[in-house]
Structure formats: C-alpha cells, structure tokens
C-alpha cells in the first residue's frame, strides 16, 4: 500500500506567538548587553560609530540575502511605493535611536538611556491602542499605571527634561509600529533601511578621516570592533522585526523592560554610574508592573498579532535564520 505524501501543516497561531516571544527575548537580551560592545569604541565620535554600524550592516545583510536568494524581494520592495514610504519613515526613526543611544554611552548617560527604554513600552502600548485598536485587560491596564508611576518618579528625580530618554522611547516605539505594519519581511526590510542610510554613512566615514576620532577609528583594534558592529546591529533588529510581526504592540512593549534592566545593571555595576534611592523606587514599580503583566499574559496566553494585510511571509529558511541563527 502506497504511503500518502506528507502535507505541510501551516504553523498555528500559538506556535507563531511562541516564535515571536523567543525572537523578542533574543533581541532584548542582545540590546541589554550591547553597551559593553560599544564601550570599546566610546573614544570614537558617535556619528562615526553609527556610520560604521550602517556600512557593515549592509555588508552582512547582503551576504545573508545572497545565501537565502532573497534579492528578488529587495527588488519588489523598491518597486512598491507604499513599502518604500513605510521603510523611509522607519529608517528615520531607527537612525535617531541609534545616534542618541551611542551619544549616551559616550557621555556616561547609560542610566538615562535605560530610562528611555523603560518609557518605550508605555509609548508602544499607547500607539497600539491608537493606531491598531489594541485593548488592555484590567490587570494589564493596572500594570501600565504602575509602570507610568515608576517612570514619573524617575523623571521628577532627574530634575531636568530627560531628552535622551524621551528621544529613545518615542523613536523606537514608532519604529516598532512602522515595522509591524510595513508590507515587507524582516530581512528585506532591514536591508532596505540600512541601504537608504548607506550614502550618508559613507560620507561621514570619508569626512572623518584625518579629523579627531578618525585616527582612533583607523587603529586595528578599533577598526575590528567597528567592523563587527554590522553583525551586532543587524542580528537583534532581525529578531525584533520577526517578533513585531507575531506579537501585539502591548506584549512587545512590555518585553522591552528586559533590555533596560540589563543596561541598568551594567551602568551601575560595570560603568560606575550612580543609583539613588529614587532609582530604586522607580525601577521597583516598573518591575512590579512587568511581573503583573507577565502573570496575566501567561495565565491567559495572548493571541498572535493580527495579520497585516498584504504582508509577505519569509520562506522557511529565512524564518529559521531570523529566530535561531541571528
């Protein structure tokens, strides 16, 4: 008797949600410890570091696109007016986020950068409610209020307008929203974003030669770190874009607490930045909010993110790469 051929089974919503959670955890843990990497080039001007991140990200992503044979997807994106408009906007948001973050590391403002990424979930939840009509259950709303109180404690304790924190929070929340709704897969979308910035990045690197910071960037050790920044930059963003396609803005936003918690520990324990009692009150409220939200989510698993109309799915090989290799 001849055995029937196996029929591929489409992934269930719960499997897609789990993949999104794993990808999100990978992205946020990577971002949590990324200050250790960029501290190695803190002597290089942030604009130069950002430019190298862009250039080497394009190189790395080009290699991945070639291996995965995804250049046709890039061509299709370039022909789509809607896709290019969306990616142009997301490119602007991520460029602002990268530059401000690098500036914060170079100027010993990692604690304030961590505050920005703590504020980010609040902005992400708000954007999800406004643009995607997402709703919060009562325990999740209570968690949001607790997190808001924690952020306000820290803002008041700073005694000044936290422009670094707010810039990071708002820029990345809008980046998440744009990448969630962009009609393009994670790999192709990230390549187009970095390619848009490539001419500006190349110009900055050329102009920096012979100027302060240019000599430092030319040393073998520093240049090796800057070269590796392409992989360090692209991998978490690929994971994040994968998570953004599968999770609600609320779930994605609250997972964001992982990265600034790691950054806070690095700032205090490794970089010697101060941690006051007001920081303790603020972060305590925020961690309590995260615990409440997580408990609610696990007791009643969240549905996978609603599908975005006309959003192309990556082939299986790319999905595996997004969630495992990177």
Foldseek 3Di string as FASTA:
>chain_A
DDDDDDDDDDDDQVRLLVLLVLLLLVLQVLLQPCLVLLLVLLQAQLLLLLLLLLVLLLVVLVVVCVVQVPVVQLVVLVVDPQLVVLLVLLLVLVSLLSSLCSVCSSVLNLLLQLLLLLCQLLLLVVCLCVPVVDDDDVLLVVLSVLLVVLSVLVCVVVVDHSPSSVSNNNSVSVSLVSLQQRQEAQSSSVSVSSVVCNVVSVVVLVVCCPPRNNVVCPDPVNVVSSSCSSVSPNLSSLSSSSSSNWARSNVSSLSSNSNSVSSVCCSVVPVPDDQDVSNVSSVVSNVVSSVSVVVVCVVPPDGIDPHHPNRDDDPPVVSCCNSPVD
